[in-house]
Amino acid sequence: MTSQGYDILARLQSGTPGPSNGRHAHPVTPGDIAIGVIIGRTSEFFDFFVYAIASVLVFPKLVFPWLPPLQATLASFAVFALAFVARPAGSIWFTGLDRAYGRGFKLTVALVLLGGSTAAIAFLPGHESIGLASAGLLALLRLGQGFAQGGTWDGLPSLLALQAPEGRRGWYAMIPQLGAPLGLIVASLLFAFFTASLDSDDFLDWGWRYPFFVAFAINVVALFARLRIVESASFEQLYEDRDLMAERPLRTLAQQWRTVVIGAFAPLASFALFHMVTVFPLSWVHLFTPESSTRFLVLEAGAATTGLVAMVASGQLADQFGRRRLLAASAAAIAVFSGFAPQLLALGETGQFAFMIIGFLLLGLCFGQSSGVLASEFPLRHRYTGAALTNDLAWLVGAGFAPLVALWASAHFGLVASGAYLLSGALATLIALWVNRGLARGA
């Protein structure tokens, strides 16, 4: 960090704002930033999981009722993947908005579009009402969600990383990741409540729509919480001093393409496992076992709690042994896990419990340190844009098509085939960590 960066950091930690250009300033503490990060990421992941669960329990019957259950779920997963395809385009467009009008304006537009797309899905007519137009409308709204997600990057995780004291980088890197298990726990329990309280007809008619309204409300709360941070004079000072500036995406790609590519592949083990213990097992249990979806949603929420504990532990372990070592060890463990664990889903409640608990423990350790693993290698000029692009590409390559590929392969070649997909993600992480030897120096 430059001496100028240390001066800004000292002002943030002491609560002394920098120049405000005439704007009212209030101090931003590291605790404020951490809370803003957790609120923002929890709202995004809650939105993500509400749609993901509906992709298994609702859309195959509502939007694709003319297809057999397996093919309908695969079609639903194909629409699910559209958001990840649209997300990089959203990042590029919203970065231009950021440069022209500021981060607060960009974030407001992005979250309004995200919340609007999510709320509109709650009113989605089914195939019985409008025919194939239902699938087209769902695809359009899903693209809107993904495009908007590309604009929700606010730089708060990077700011949090800049404040990390020596020897505490792993702990600070873990904090933004807490939003994933928190969002999953709330979304799973909310859907479990409705599936348990309503009969199947009422749930499919109107019950499933309420979680989407809740997601919209949470987005509104998150918008104001995050704007309080990014619109503060102290945060703006970091932006104005070029420590966290929105660089042109094409310029960042031209000058930092190697870091972007390696950074996109480094977290693939955790991103592949992410969907293998959340979306995919719900679809498998729902389609191929007599188990109750409500029971499995509750199991998923409980397993996510163990993942949350493991994620917190990852911060301590990374600071003690190094982020690179922890990521490599976790990827190797995921590779071993891929060889036997998916088959546990076919062994009833006990097997499913073992699969979910072990899977979430590994996910917590790996995913807790996967976000922005190479962000520190970007020059400060490119860190803001580079971190956003890297994150978008990692989700696209490692997670966007994971439920679709895993379910299709498992249905045709057995559960062992989904293990092969997971193994490929673990190998990609190990190779990326080996190629980027500079990461070892920064761990």
Foldseek 3Di string as FASTA:
>chain_A
DDPVLVVLLVCQCVFNADDQVPDDFGHHHLVLLLVLLLLLLLLLQLLLQLLLVCLQQAQLCFAVVVDDNLVSSLLSLVLLLLLLVLQLVLLQVLLVVCVVPHLLVLQVVLLVQLLVLLLVLLVQHGCVVPNNVSVVSSSVSSSSNSSSNNSNQRCSLVVQQSNQDPLQNLQSLLSSLLSNLSSLLVSLLQVLVLPVPDPSVCCNVRVSSVSSVVSSVSSVVSSVSNCVPCVHSSNVVCQVVLLADSDNLVVCCVVPVLLLVLLLQQLLLLQLLSCVLRNQLLNCCVPPHPDDSSVVSNLLSVLSVLLSVLLSVLSVVCSVPNLLVQQLVLLVVLLVCLQPLLVLSVVPPVSNSVSSNVSSNSSSNNVSCSQCLVLVVDDSNCSNSSSSSSVSSNCSVRHSCSNSVQSVCCVVPNNSRNSVSSNVSSVSNNVSSVVPVVSVVVD
